[in-house]
Amino acid sequence: MKRSQAVQLRNYIKKVQPQAFMMITNSSEIIGKGFRNTI
């Protein structure tokens, strides 16, 4: 996600649901149910 997209998403969420919790983080690996290994 580009930084500008994250800002737009944050603004939208704040408008629609001001009490919502949102967390964006960089990740290099995600494992678990629902995620596929693409190596």
C-alpha atoms as a PDB file:
ATOM      1  CA  MET A   1       0.000   0.000   0.000  1.00  0.00           C
ATOM      2  CA  LYS A   2       1.377   3.411  -0.909  1.00  0.00           C
ATOM      3  CA  ARG A   3       1.609   6.091   1.773  1.00  0.00           C
ATOM      4  CA  SER A   4      -1.025   8.210   0.022  1.00  0.00           C
ATOM      5  CA  GLN A   5      -3.415   5.237   0.002  1.00  0.00           C
ATOM      6  CA  ALA A   6      -2.852   4.691   3.724  1.00  0.00           C
ATOM      7  CA  VAL A   7      -3.684   8.339   4.403  1.00  0.00           C
ATOM      8  CA  GLN A   8      -6.870   8.088   2.337  1.00  0.00           C
ATOM      9  CA  LEU A   9      -7.867   4.898   4.136  1.00  0.00           C
ATOM     10  CA  ARG A  10      -7.214   6.453   7.547  1.00  0.00           C
ATOM     11  CA  ASN A  11      -9.305   9.503   6.693  1.00  0.00           C
ATOM     12  CA  TYR A  12     -12.159   7.337   5.402  1.00  0.00           C
ATOM     13  CA  ILE A  13     -12.165   5.136   8.496  1.00  0.00           C
ATOM     14  CA  LYS A  14     -12.081   8.162  10.814  1.00  0.00           C
ATOM     15  CA  LYS A  15     -15.090   9.588   8.958  1.00  0.00           C
ATOM     16  CA  VAL A  16     -17.132   6.369   8.864  1.00  0.00           C
ATOM     17  CA  GLN A  17     -16.199   4.928  12.288  1.00  0.00           C
ATOM     18  CA  PRO A  18     -14.290   7.403  14.506  1.00  0.00           C
ATOM     19  CA  GLN A  19     -13.761   4.803  17.273  1.00  0.00           C
ATOM     20  CA  ALA A  20     -12.267   2.205  14.908  1.00  0.00           C
ATOM     21  CA  PHE A  21      -8.832   0.707  15.518  1.00  0.00           C
ATOM     22  CA  MET A  22      -6.434   0.559  12.585  1.00  0.00           C
ATOM     23  CA  MET A  23      -2.861  -0.666  12.445  1.00  0.00           C
ATOM     24  CA  ILE A  24      -0.566  -0.608   9.419  1.00  0.00           C
ATOM     25  CA  THR A  25       2.846  -2.200   9.593  1.00  0.00           C
ATOM     26  CA  ASN A  26       5.610  -3.288   7.236  1.00  0.00           C
ATOM     27  CA  SER A  27       6.119  -7.029   7.138  1.00  0.00           C
ATOM     28  CA  SER A  28       8.486  -9.297   5.309  1.00  0.00           C
ATOM     29  CA  GLU A  29       6.798 -12.584   6.213  1.00  0.00           C
ATOM     30  CA  ILE A  30       3.300 -13.625   7.246  1.00  0.00           C
ATOM     31  CA  ILE A  31       2.486 -17.205   8.176  1.00  0.00           C
ATOM     32  CA  GLY A  32      -0.680 -18.867   9.353  1.00  0.00           C
ATOM     33  CA  LYS A  33      -4.020 -20.139   8.174  1.00  0.00           C
ATOM     34  CA  GLY A  34      -5.196 -18.376   5.034  1.00  0.00           C
ATOM     35  CA  PHE A  35      -1.745 -17.277   3.850  1.00  0.00           C
ATOM     36  CA  ARG A  36       0.101 -19.150   1.123  1.00  0.00           C
ATOM     37  CA  ASN A  37       3.827 -19.601   0.756  1.00  0.00           C
ATOM     38  CA  THR A  38       4.914 -17.958  -2.531  1.00  0.00           C
ATOM     39  CA  ILE A  39       8.611 -18.850  -2.450  1.00  0.00           C
END
